[in-house]
Amino acid sequence: MYVDAVPHVPTTGQWLETDGVRWWFDSGSIALDFAHTGALPGGSEQLHSPTDLGVWLVERFPRVDAGVSERELSDALLLRESIGRLVVAVDPAASDIDIVNLVAAMPDIPPALGGGSRQAGASHAHVSQALSTIAREAIGLFDANRVAGIRTCSAGDCAFIYLDTSRSGSRRWCSMQRCGNRAKVRAYRGRAVRGSSPG
């Protein structure tokens, strides 16, 4: 029997704008996507206000109440900064680990099967539940078996970080649309120059 399931962890990816160019970046992790809203190198601040956070969360967690308070924005930024520092840390700070653990200990957004005749639990989730879901995903991200898949884009002028979820574990670029395409163009030009050189 097939039943629609409401995903526990949302689909990853987001549109970013760099140097006036809009492009799709899928970090492979909701926690990394969240950190890329302003806590990791390469990106720019996206969460200027409670409204910005509400929009970002609702795009990923449709059941979340979009009404975000200043306190919730402050909590979200605290979590985001901790995740961002943990991603790049050689020696993680205990305070950042504590923040992620504290937020993850709160109730998250539970998974649910669609198609039932009764509403189980609240129809809307709180911002704190979405943040807990992100924190729990971050804990999974830093698991010893997955942390090896956290990579930085191979382009020398790019600092975007992603989780390589490819079967072969061979992802090299933050985005084929951006850095992957630029690398292909550079390689083509290099071959063309070499091909046109006199014997």
N, C-alpha and C. Protein backbone atom coordinates (compact mmCIF):
# COMPACT_ATOMS: atom_id res chain seq x y z
N MET A 1 0.85 -1.18 0.00
CA MET A 1 0.00 0.00 0.00
C MET A 1 0.89 1.24 0.00
N TYR A 2 0.52 2.20 -0.84
CA TYR A 2 1.28 3.45 -0.92
C TYR A 2 0.51 4.55 -0.20
N VAL A 3 1.18 5.26 0.69
CA VAL A 3 0.56 6.37 1.41
C VAL A 3 1.50 7.56 1.34
N ASP A 4 0.94 8.73 1.06
CA ASP A 4 1.75 9.95 1.05
C ASP A 4 2.31 10.19 2.44
N ALA A 5 3.58 10.50 2.53
CA ALA A 5 4.18 10.84 3.82
C ALA A 5 4.60 12.29 3.81
N VAL A 6 4.37 12.97 4.93
CA VAL A 6 4.85 14.34 5.08
C VAL A 6 6.29 14.22 5.55
N PRO A 7 7.27 14.72 4.78
CA PRO A 7 8.66 14.50 5.13
C PRO A 7 9.04 15.10 6.48
N HIS A 8 9.89 14.36 7.22
CA HIS A 8 10.37 14.83 8.52
C HIS A 8 11.47 15.87 8.32
N VAL A 9 12.36 15.59 7.38
CA VAL A 9 13.42 16.54 7.04
C VAL A 9 13.14 17.04 5.64
N PRO A 10 13.06 18.36 5.45
CA PRO A 10 12.66 18.92 4.16
C PRO A 10 13.71 18.74 3.06
N THR A 11 13.27 18.97 1.85
CA THR A 11 14.16 18.94 0.70
C THR A 11 15.17 20.07 0.83
N THR A 12 16.38 19.80 0.41
CA THR A 12 17.45 20.80 0.53
C THR A 12 17.57 21.64 -0.74
N GLY A 13 18.31 22.73 -0.62
CA GLY A 13 18.60 23.61 -1.76
C GLY A 13 17.94 24.96 -1.62
N GLN A 14 18.55 25.97 -2.26
CA GLN A 14 18.01 27.32 -2.22
C GLN A 14 18.63 28.16 -3.34
N TRP A 15 17.88 29.18 -3.75
CA TRP A 15 18.41 30.13 -4.72
C TRP A 15 19.29 31.14 -3.99
N LEU A 16 20.47 31.39 -4.53
CA LEU A 16 21.39 32.37 -3.98
C LEU A 16 21.73 33.38 -5.06
N GLU A 17 22.22 34.52 -4.64
CA GLU A 17 22.68 35.53 -5.60
C GLU A 17 24.10 35.92 -5.25
N THR A 18 25.00 35.75 -6.21
CA THR A 18 26.41 36.10 -6.02
C THR A 18 26.85 36.95 -7.20
N ASP A 19 27.39 38.12 -6.90
CA ASP A 19 27.86 39.04 -7.94
C ASP A 19 26.77 39.33 -8.97
N GLY A 20 25.54 39.48 -8.50
CA GLY A 20 24.42 39.82 -9.38
C GLY A 20 23.87 38.66 -10.18
N VAL A 21 24.39 37.45 -9.96
CA VAL A 21 23.92 36.27 -10.70
C VAL A 21 23.16 35.36 -9.74
N ARG A 22 21.94 34.98 -10.13
CA ARG A 22 21.11 34.09 -9.31
C ARG A 22 21.37 32.65 -9.73
N TRP A 23 21.61 31.79 -8.75
CA TRP A 23 21.93 30.39 -9.06
C TRP A 23 21.41 29.48 -7.96
N TRP A 24 21.22 28.20 -8.32
CA TRP A 24 20.67 27.21 -7.40
C TRP A 24 21.81 26.49 -6.69
N PHE A 25 21.76 26.45 -5.38
CA PHE A 25 22.78 25.77 -4.59
C PHE A 25 22.10 24.76 -3.68
N ASP A 26 22.45 23.50 -3.84
CA ASP A 26 21.94 22.45 -2.98
C ASP A 26 23.11 21.91 -2.18
N SER A 27 23.14 22.25 -0.90
CA SER A 27 24.25 21.82 -0.04
C SER A 27 24.15 20.35 0.33
N GLY A 28 22.97 19.75 0.13
CA GLY A 28 22.77 18.37 0.50
C GLY A 28 22.37 18.18 1.95
N SER A 29 22.20 19.29 2.68
CA SER A 29 21.87 19.23 4.10
C SER A 29 21.09 20.47 4.49
N ILE A 30 19.95 20.30 5.17
CA ILE A 30 19.16 21.45 5.61
C ILE A 30 19.97 22.30 6.61
N ALA A 31 20.82 21.64 7.41
CA ALA A 31 21.65 22.38 8.37
C ALA A 31 22.67 23.24 7.65
N LEU A 32 23.27 22.70 6.57
CA LEU A 32 24.22 23.50 5.79
C LEU A 32 23.51 24.61 5.03
N ASP A 33 22.34 24.29 4.47
CA ASP A 33 21.55 25.35 3.81
C ASP A 33 21.31 26.50 4.78
N PHE A 34 20.94 26.15 6.01
CA PHE A 34 20.65 27.17 7.02
C PHE A 34 21.91 27.98 7.33
N ALA A 35 23.04 27.30 7.50
CA ALA A 35 24.30 28.00 7.78
C ALA A 35 24.69 28.92 6.63
N HIS A 36 24.32 28.54 5.40
CA HIS A 36 24.67 29.36 4.23
C HIS A 36 23.78 30.60 4.09
N THR A 37 22.87 30.84 5.02
CA THR A 37 22.08 32.07 4.96
C THR A 37 22.86 33.25 5.56
N GLY A 38 24.11 33.02 5.96
CA GLY A 38 24.92 34.12 6.46
C GLY A 38 26.01 33.76 7.43
N ALA A 39 26.18 32.46 7.74
CA ALA A 39 27.19 32.08 8.73
C ALA A 39 28.40 31.38 8.12
N LEU A 40 28.40 31.18 6.81
CA LEU A 40 29.53 30.50 6.17
C LEU A 40 30.13 31.39 5.08
N PRO A 41 31.41 31.20 4.77
CA PRO A 41 32.06 32.01 3.74
C PRO A 41 31.37 31.87 2.38
N GLY A 42 31.42 32.94 1.62
CA GLY A 42 30.91 32.92 0.25
C GLY A 42 29.52 33.49 0.10
N GLY A 43 28.69 33.31 1.10
CA GLY A 43 27.31 33.78 1.01
C GLY A 43 27.15 35.17 1.59
N SER A 44 25.91 35.65 1.58
CA SER A 44 25.61 36.95 2.17
C SER A 44 24.42 36.78 3.10
N GLU A 45 24.26 37.71 4.01
CA GLU A 45 23.20 37.64 5.01
C GLU A 45 21.82 37.64 4.35
N GLN A 46 21.01 36.64 4.70
CA GLN A 46 19.65 36.53 4.17
C GLN A 46 18.59 36.77 5.22
N LEU A 47 18.95 36.63 6.49
CA LEU A 47 17.95 36.70 7.56
C LEU A 47 18.07 38.02 8.32
N HIS A 48 17.63 39.10 7.66
CA HIS A 48 17.73 40.43 8.25
C HIS A 48 16.63 40.71 9.27
N SER A 49 15.54 39.98 9.19
CA SER A 49 14.38 40.29 10.04
C SER A 49 13.62 39.00 10.37
N PRO A 50 12.72 39.07 11.35
CA PRO A 50 11.88 37.90 11.64
C PRO A 50 11.09 37.44 10.42
N THR A 51 10.66 38.38 9.58
CA THR A 51 9.92 38.02 8.37
C THR A 51 10.78 37.18 7.43
N ASP A 52 12.05 37.56 7.27
CA ASP A 52 12.97 36.79 6.41
C ASP A 52 13.09 35.36 6.91
N LEU A 53 13.23 35.20 8.23
CA LEU A 53 13.34 33.86 8.79
C LEU A 53 12.05 33.08 8.57
N GLY A 54 10.90 33.74 8.76
CA GLY A 54 9.62 33.08 8.55
C GLY A 54 9.47 32.57 7.13
N VAL A 55 9.84 33.38 6.16
CA VAL A 55 9.75 32.98 4.75
C VAL A 55 10.68 31.80 4.48
N TRP A 56 11.92 31.87 4.98
CA TRP A 56 12.89 30.80 4.75
C TRP A 56 12.39 29.48 5.34
N LEU A 57 11.85 29.54 6.55
CA LEU A 57 11.38 28.31 7.20
C LEU A 57 10.15 27.73 6.50
N VAL A 58 9.19 28.58 6.13
CA VAL A 58 7.96 28.09 5.51
C VAL A 58 8.25 27.46 4.15
N GLU A 59 9.26 27.95 3.43
CA GLU A 59 9.63 27.34 2.16
C GLU A 59 10.12 25.91 2.34
N ARG A 60 10.62 25.60 3.53
CA ARG A 60 11.16 24.26 3.80
C ARG A 60 10.27 23.42 4.71
N PHE A 61 9.53 24.10 5.57
CA PHE A 61 8.62 23.43 6.51
C PHE A 61 7.25 24.08 6.35
N PRO A 62 6.45 23.63 5.40
CA PRO A 62 5.17 24.29 5.11
C PRO A 62 4.23 24.41 6.30
N ARG A 63 4.36 23.55 7.29
CA ARG A 63 3.46 23.59 8.44
C ARG A 63 3.86 24.63 9.49
N VAL A 64 5.04 25.24 9.34
CA VAL A 64 5.53 26.17 10.36
C VAL A 64 4.76 27.48 10.30
N ASP A 65 4.44 27.99 11.47
CA ASP A 65 3.78 29.29 11.60
C ASP A 65 4.79 30.36 11.17
N ALA A 66 4.44 31.15 10.17
CA ALA A 66 5.37 32.15 9.61
C ALA A 66 5.59 33.34 10.52
N GLY A 67 4.76 33.49 11.55
CA GLY A 67 4.91 34.61 12.48
C GLY A 67 6.10 34.37 13.40
N VAL A 68 7.20 35.06 13.15
CA VAL A 68 8.43 34.86 13.92
C VAL A 68 8.68 36.09 14.79
N SER A 69 9.02 35.87 16.04
CA SER A 69 9.32 36.98 16.95
C SER A 69 10.80 37.33 16.88
N GLU A 70 11.15 38.48 17.45
CA GLU A 70 12.55 38.89 17.50
C GLU A 70 13.37 37.88 18.31
N ARG A 71 12.79 37.35 19.39
CA ARG A 71 13.48 36.37 20.22
C ARG A 71 13.76 35.10 19.42
N GLU A 72 12.77 34.67 18.62
CA GLU A 72 12.97 33.47 17.79
C GLU A 72 14.03 33.71 16.72
N LEU A 73 14.06 34.92 16.17
CA LEU A 73 15.11 35.24 15.20
C LEU A 73 16.47 35.17 15.89
N SER A 74 16.56 35.72 17.09
CA SER A 74 17.81 35.69 17.84
C SER A 74 18.25 34.26 18.12
N ASP A 75 17.31 33.39 18.52
CA ASP A 75 17.62 31.99 18.78
C ASP A 75 18.10 31.30 17.49
N ALA A 76 17.42 31.61 16.39
CA ALA A 76 17.78 31.00 15.10
C ALA A 76 19.19 31.40 14.67
N LEU A 77 19.52 32.68 14.84
CA LEU A 77 20.85 33.15 14.45
C LEU A 77 21.93 32.54 15.33
N LEU A 78 21.62 32.34 16.61
CA LEU A 78 22.55 31.70 17.53
C LEU A 78 22.84 30.27 17.07
N LEU A 79 21.78 29.54 16.71
CA LEU A 79 21.94 28.18 16.20
C LEU A 79 22.71 28.19 14.89
N ARG A 80 22.34 29.10 13.99
CA ARG A 80 22.99 29.16 12.68
C ARG A 80 24.49 29.42 12.81
N GLU A 81 24.86 30.36 13.67
CA GLU A 81 26.28 30.69 13.84
C GLU A 81 27.04 29.51 14.42
N SER A 82 26.42 28.78 15.35
CA SER A 82 27.08 27.61 15.95
C SER A 82 27.30 26.53 14.89
N ILE A 83 26.28 26.27 14.07
CA ILE A 83 26.44 25.27 13.01
C ILE A 83 27.55 25.71 12.06
N GLY A 84 27.55 26.98 11.68
CA GLY A 84 28.57 27.50 10.78
C GLY A 84 29.97 27.33 11.33
N ARG A 85 30.15 27.63 12.62
CA ARG A 85 31.49 27.47 13.22
C ARG A 85 31.89 26.00 13.31
N LEU A 86 30.92 25.12 13.64
CA LEU A 86 31.23 23.69 13.74
C LEU A 86 31.64 23.11 12.39
N VAL A 87 31.05 23.60 11.31
CA VAL A 87 31.37 23.08 9.98
C VAL A 87 32.83 23.32 9.63
N VAL A 88 33.36 24.45 10.01
CA VAL A 88 34.73 24.80 9.62
C VAL A 88 35.76 24.58 10.73
N ALA A 89 35.30 24.21 11.93
CA ALA A 89 36.21 24.10 13.07
C ALA A 89 37.10 22.87 12.99
N VAL A 90 38.36 23.06 13.32
CA VAL A 90 39.28 21.94 13.47
C VAL A 90 39.10 21.38 14.88
N ASP A 91 38.94 22.28 15.84
CA ASP A 91 38.73 21.90 17.24
C ASP A 91 37.43 22.56 17.70
N PRO A 92 36.29 21.88 17.55
CA PRO A 92 34.99 22.50 17.85
C PRO A 92 34.88 23.02 19.27
N ALA A 93 34.28 24.18 19.41
CA ALA A 93 34.08 24.78 20.74
C ALA A 93 32.93 24.08 21.45
N ALA A 94 33.13 23.80 22.73
CA ALA A 94 32.09 23.15 23.53
C ALA A 94 30.81 23.98 23.55
N SER A 95 30.95 25.32 23.53
CA SER A 95 29.77 26.19 23.58
C SER A 95 28.90 26.02 22.33
N ASP A 96 29.53 25.83 21.17
CA ASP A 96 28.76 25.62 19.93
C ASP A 96 28.07 24.26 19.96
N ILE A 97 28.76 23.25 20.45
CA ILE A 97 28.16 21.93 20.58
C ILE A 97 26.96 21.99 21.54
N ASP A 98 27.13 22.73 22.64
CA ASP A 98 26.05 22.85 23.62
C ASP A 98 24.81 23.50 23.02
N ILE A 99 25.01 24.54 22.21
CA ILE A 99 23.87 25.23 21.59
C ILE A 99 23.11 24.29 20.66
N VAL A 100 23.83 23.56 19.81
CA VAL A 100 23.18 22.62 18.89
C VAL A 100 22.43 21.55 19.68
N ASN A 101 23.08 21.00 20.71
CA ASN A 101 22.43 19.97 21.54
C ASN A 101 21.20 20.51 22.26
N LEU A 102 21.28 21.72 22.77
CA LEU A 102 20.16 22.32 23.50
C LEU A 102 18.95 22.51 22.58
N VAL A 103 19.18 23.03 21.39
CA VAL A 103 18.08 23.25 20.45
C VAL A 103 17.52 21.90 19.97
N ALA A 104 18.40 20.94 19.75
CA ALA A 104 17.96 19.62 19.29
C ALA A 104 17.13 18.89 20.35
N ALA A 105 17.32 19.25 21.61
CA ALA A 105 16.59 18.59 22.71
C ALA A 105 15.13 19.03 22.78
N MET A 106 14.80 20.13 22.11
CA MET A 106 13.41 20.59 22.10
C MET A 106 12.61 19.73 21.13
N PRO A 107 11.28 19.72 21.25
CA PRO A 107 10.46 18.94 20.31
C PRO A 107 10.68 19.41 18.88
N ASP A 108 10.80 18.46 17.95
CA ASP A 108 10.98 18.80 16.54
C ASP A 108 9.65 18.65 15.80
N ILE A 109 9.69 18.76 14.48
CA ILE A 109 8.49 18.56 13.68
C ILE A 109 8.37 17.07 13.41
N PRO A 110 7.35 16.41 13.96
CA PRO A 110 7.27 14.96 13.79
C PRO A 110 6.86 14.57 12.38
N PRO A 111 7.31 13.41 11.91
CA PRO A 111 6.87 12.93 10.60
C PRO A 111 5.40 12.54 10.68
N ALA A 112 4.72 12.54 9.56
CA ALA A 112 3.30 12.18 9.55
C ALA A 112 2.93 11.57 8.21
N LEU A 113 2.00 10.62 8.24
CA LEU A 113 1.44 10.05 7.02
C LEU A 113 0.22 10.85 6.62
N GLY A 114 0.14 11.21 5.35
CA GLY A 114 -1.03 11.92 4.86
C GLY A 114 -2.17 10.95 4.58
N GLY A 115 -3.38 11.48 4.42
CA GLY A 115 -4.51 10.66 4.03
C GLY A 115 -5.35 10.13 5.16
N GLY A 116 -4.99 10.44 6.39
CA GLY A 116 -5.78 9.97 7.53
C GLY A 116 -7.06 10.77 7.69
N SER A 117 -7.95 10.27 8.51
CA SER A 117 -9.23 10.95 8.71
C SER A 117 -9.21 11.88 9.94
N ARG A 118 -8.15 11.82 10.71
CA ARG A 118 -8.05 12.67 11.90
C ARG A 118 -6.73 13.42 11.90
N GLN A 119 -6.76 14.60 12.48
CA GLN A 119 -5.54 15.39 12.62
C GLN A 119 -4.82 14.93 13.90
N ALA A 120 -3.63 14.40 13.75
CA ALA A 120 -2.84 13.98 14.90
C ALA A 120 -1.90 15.11 15.28
N GLY A 121 -2.12 15.70 16.41
CA GLY A 121 -1.28 16.80 16.84
C GLY A 121 -1.70 18.11 16.19
N ALA A 122 -0.93 19.14 16.43
CA ALA A 122 -1.26 20.47 15.91
C ALA A 122 -1.07 20.52 14.40
N SER A 123 -1.93 21.30 13.74
CA SER A 123 -1.82 21.41 12.29
C SER A 123 -0.67 22.32 11.88
N HIS A 124 -0.24 23.18 12.81
CA HIS A 124 0.89 24.06 12.55
C HIS A 124 2.02 23.75 13.53
N ALA A 125 3.23 23.94 13.07
CA ALA A 125 4.40 23.73 13.93
C ALA A 125 4.97 25.08 14.34
N HIS A 126 5.61 25.11 15.48
CA HIS A 126 6.24 26.33 15.97
C HIS A 126 7.63 26.49 15.35
N VAL A 127 8.11 27.72 15.35
CA VAL A 127 9.45 28.01 14.84
C VAL A 127 10.48 27.17 15.60
N SER A 128 10.29 27.04 16.91
CA SER A 128 11.24 26.27 17.73
C SER A 128 11.32 24.82 17.27
N GLN A 129 10.21 24.26 16.77
CA GLN A 129 10.23 22.89 16.28
C GLN A 129 11.05 22.78 14.99
N ALA A 130 10.92 23.79 14.13
CA ALA A 130 11.72 23.80 12.89
C ALA A 130 13.20 23.91 13.22
N LEU A 131 13.53 24.77 14.19
CA LEU A 131 14.93 24.93 14.58
C LEU A 131 15.46 23.64 15.19
N SER A 132 14.63 22.95 15.97
CA SER A 132 15.04 21.67 16.54
C SER A 132 15.31 20.64 15.44
N THR A 133 14.45 20.63 14.42
CA THR A 133 14.65 19.71 13.29
C THR A 133 15.98 20.00 12.60
N ILE A 134 16.30 21.29 12.43
CA ILE A 134 17.58 21.68 11.81
C ILE A 134 18.75 21.24 12.69
N ALA A 135 18.63 21.47 14.00
CA ALA A 135 19.70 21.10 14.93
C ALA A 135 19.93 19.59 14.94
N ARG A 136 18.84 18.81 14.90
CA ARG A 136 18.97 17.35 14.88
C ARG A 136 19.65 16.89 13.59
N GLU A 137 19.32 17.55 12.49
CA GLU A 137 19.97 17.21 11.22
C GLU A 137 21.46 17.56 11.29
N ALA A 138 21.79 18.67 11.98
CA ALA A 138 23.20 19.05 12.13
C ALA A 138 23.95 17.99 12.93
N ILE A 139 23.32 17.45 13.96
CA ILE A 139 23.98 16.40 14.75
C ILE A 139 24.27 15.20 13.86
N GLY A 140 23.32 14.83 13.01
CA GLY A 140 23.55 13.74 12.07
C GLY A 140 24.65 14.07 11.07
N LEU A 141 24.73 15.35 10.70
CA LEU A 141 25.75 15.80 9.75
C LEU A 141 27.15 15.61 10.30
N PHE A 142 27.30 15.83 11.61
CA PHE A 142 28.62 15.73 12.23
C PHE A 142 28.94 14.34 12.75
N ASP A 143 28.08 13.38 12.44
CA ASP A 143 28.35 11.99 12.78
C ASP A 143 29.63 11.55 12.06
N ALA A 144 30.40 10.71 12.72
CA ALA A 144 31.71 10.30 12.16
C ALA A 144 31.60 9.68 10.78
N ASN A 145 30.49 9.02 10.49
CA ASN A 145 30.34 8.36 9.19
C ASN A 145 29.98 9.33 8.07
N ARG A 146 29.46 10.51 8.43
CA ARG A 146 29.03 11.45 7.39
C ARG A 146 29.97 12.64 7.26
N VAL A 147 30.71 12.97 8.31
CA VAL A 147 31.50 14.19 8.31
C VAL A 147 32.54 14.19 7.19
N ALA A 148 32.99 13.02 6.77
CA ALA A 148 33.97 12.94 5.67
C ALA A 148 33.38 13.45 4.37
N GLY A 149 32.05 13.47 4.26
CA GLY A 149 31.41 13.94 3.05
C GLY A 149 31.24 15.45 2.99
N ILE A 150 31.59 16.16 4.06
CA ILE A 150 31.50 17.62 4.04
C ILE A 150 32.71 18.16 3.28
N ARG A 151 32.43 18.88 2.20
CA ARG A 151 33.51 19.34 1.33
C ARG A 151 33.36 20.82 1.00
N THR A 152 34.46 21.41 0.55
CA THR A 152 34.46 22.78 0.05
C THR A 152 34.59 22.70 -1.46
N CYS A 153 33.88 23.55 -2.18
CA CYS A 153 33.92 23.58 -3.64
C CYS A 153 35.36 23.60 -4.14
N SER A 154 35.63 22.84 -5.20
CA SER A 154 36.99 22.73 -5.75
C SER A 154 37.46 23.97 -6.49
N ALA A 155 36.54 24.87 -6.82
CA ALA A 155 36.95 26.10 -7.51
C ALA A 155 37.79 26.94 -6.56
N GLY A 156 38.93 27.39 -7.03
CA GLY A 156 39.84 28.16 -6.19
C GLY A 156 39.27 29.46 -5.65
N ASP A 157 38.27 30.01 -6.35
CA ASP A 157 37.70 31.29 -5.93
C ASP A 157 36.33 31.11 -5.26
N CYS A 158 36.03 29.90 -4.78
CA CYS A 158 34.73 29.64 -4.16
C CYS A 158 34.93 28.98 -2.80
N ALA A 159 34.12 29.41 -1.83
CA ALA A 159 34.25 28.87 -0.47
C ALA A 159 33.00 28.13 -0.01
N PHE A 160 32.06 27.86 -0.94
CA PHE A 160 30.82 27.20 -0.53
C PHE A 160 31.08 25.76 -0.08
N ILE A 161 30.40 25.38 0.99
CA ILE A 161 30.56 24.06 1.60
C ILE A 161 29.31 23.24 1.37
N TYR A 162 29.48 21.96 1.09
CA TYR A 162 28.33 21.09 0.81
C TYR A 162 28.59 19.69 1.36
N LEU A 163 27.54 18.91 1.43
CA LEU A 163 27.64 17.50 1.80
C LEU A 163 27.56 16.70 0.50
N ASP A 164 28.61 15.95 0.21
CA ASP A 164 28.62 15.15 -1.02
C ASP A 164 27.73 13.92 -0.80
N THR A 165 26.56 13.95 -1.42
CA THR A 165 25.62 12.83 -1.29
C THR A 165 25.59 11.98 -2.57
N SER A 166 26.52 12.24 -3.48
CA SER A 166 26.55 11.47 -4.73
C SER A 166 26.96 10.03 -4.44
N ARG A 167 26.46 9.11 -5.25
CA ARG A 167 26.76 7.68 -5.02
C ARG A 167 28.26 7.40 -5.06
N SER A 168 28.94 8.07 -5.98
CA SER A 168 30.37 7.81 -6.13
C SER A 168 31.22 8.61 -5.16
N GLY A 169 30.60 9.59 -4.48
CA GLY A 169 31.36 10.45 -3.58
C GLY A 169 32.35 11.33 -4.31
N SER A 170 31.98 11.73 -5.54
CA SER A 170 32.93 12.46 -6.39
C SER A 170 32.47 13.89 -6.74
N ARG A 171 31.50 14.42 -6.00
CA ARG A 171 31.06 15.78 -6.29
C ARG A 171 32.21 16.75 -6.02
N ARG A 172 32.45 17.66 -6.96
CA ARG A 172 33.57 18.60 -6.84
C ARG A 172 33.14 20.06 -6.71
N TRP A 173 31.92 20.36 -7.18
CA TRP A 173 31.53 21.76 -7.27
C TRP A 173 30.33 22.07 -6.38
N CYS A 174 30.25 23.31 -5.94
CA CYS A 174 29.08 23.74 -5.18
C CYS A 174 27.84 23.62 -6.06
N SER A 175 28.00 23.90 -7.35
CA SER A 175 26.91 23.82 -8.31
C SER A 175 27.48 23.66 -9.71
N MET A 176 26.93 22.72 -10.47
CA MET A 176 27.37 22.58 -11.86
C MET A 176 26.98 23.82 -12.65
N GLN A 177 25.87 24.46 -12.25
CA GLN A 177 25.40 25.67 -12.94
C GLN A 177 26.39 26.82 -12.77
N ARG A 178 27.10 26.83 -11.65
CA ARG A 178 28.00 27.95 -11.35
C ARG A 178 29.46 27.53 -11.55
N CYS A 179 30.07 26.96 -10.54
CA CYS A 179 31.50 26.65 -10.62
C CYS A 179 31.82 25.51 -11.57
N GLY A 180 30.96 24.51 -11.65
CA GLY A 180 31.21 23.40 -12.56
C GLY A 180 31.23 23.87 -14.00
N ASN A 181 30.29 24.74 -14.36
CA ASN A 181 30.23 25.27 -15.72
C ASN A 181 31.42 26.16 -16.02
N ARG A 182 31.81 26.98 -15.05
CA ARG A 182 32.98 27.85 -15.26
C ARG A 182 34.24 27.02 -15.47
N ALA A 183 34.37 25.91 -14.72
CA ALA A 183 35.54 25.03 -14.88
C ALA A 183 35.54 24.39 -16.27
N LYS A 184 34.37 24.00 -16.76
CA LYS A 184 34.28 23.41 -18.10
C LYS A 184 34.68 24.42 -19.16
N VAL A 185 34.23 25.66 -19.00
CA VAL A 185 34.57 26.72 -19.96
C VAL A 185 36.07 26.97 -19.96
N ARG A 186 36.68 27.04 -18.75
CA ARG A 186 38.13 27.26 -18.67
C ARG A 186 38.89 26.11 -19.31
N ALA A 187 38.44 24.88 -19.06
CA ALA A 187 39.11 23.71 -19.64
C ALA A 187 39.00 23.73 -21.16
N TYR A 188 37.82 24.10 -21.68
CA TYR A 188 37.61 24.17 -23.14
C TYR A 188 38.53 25.22 -23.76
N ARG A 189 38.59 26.39 -23.11
CA ARG A 189 39.45 27.46 -23.63
C ARG A 189 40.92 27.01 -23.64
N GLY A 190 41.32 26.31 -22.54
CA GLY A 190 42.70 25.82 -22.46
C GLY A 190 43.02 24.86 -23.58
N ARG A 191 42.08 23.95 -23.89
CA ARG A 191 42.29 23.00 -24.98
C ARG A 191 42.34 23.72 -26.32
N ALA A 192 41.47 24.74 -26.47
CA ALA A 192 41.43 25.48 -27.73
C ALA A 192 42.74 26.23 -27.95
N VAL A 193 43.28 26.81 -26.89
CA VAL A 193 44.55 27.54 -26.99
C VAL A 193 45.68 26.58 -27.34
N ARG A 194 45.73 25.43 -26.66
CA ARG A 194 46.77 24.44 -26.93
C ARG A 194 46.66 23.91 -28.37
N GLY A 195 45.40 23.72 -28.83
CA GLY A 195 45.16 23.20 -30.17
C GLY A 195 45.56 24.18 -31.26
N SER A 196 45.50 25.48 -30.95
CA SER A 196 45.82 26.48 -31.97
C SER A 196 47.31 26.86 -31.95
N SER A 197 48.05 26.33 -30.95
CA SER A 197 49.48 26.68 -30.88
C SER A 197 50.23 26.00 -32.02
N PRO A 198 51.21 26.70 -32.59
CA PRO A 198 52.00 26.07 -33.65
C PRO A 198 52.78 24.89 -33.12
N GLY A 199 52.85 23.82 -33.96
CA GLY A 199 53.49 22.57 -33.64
C GLY A 199 54.71 22.70 -32.83
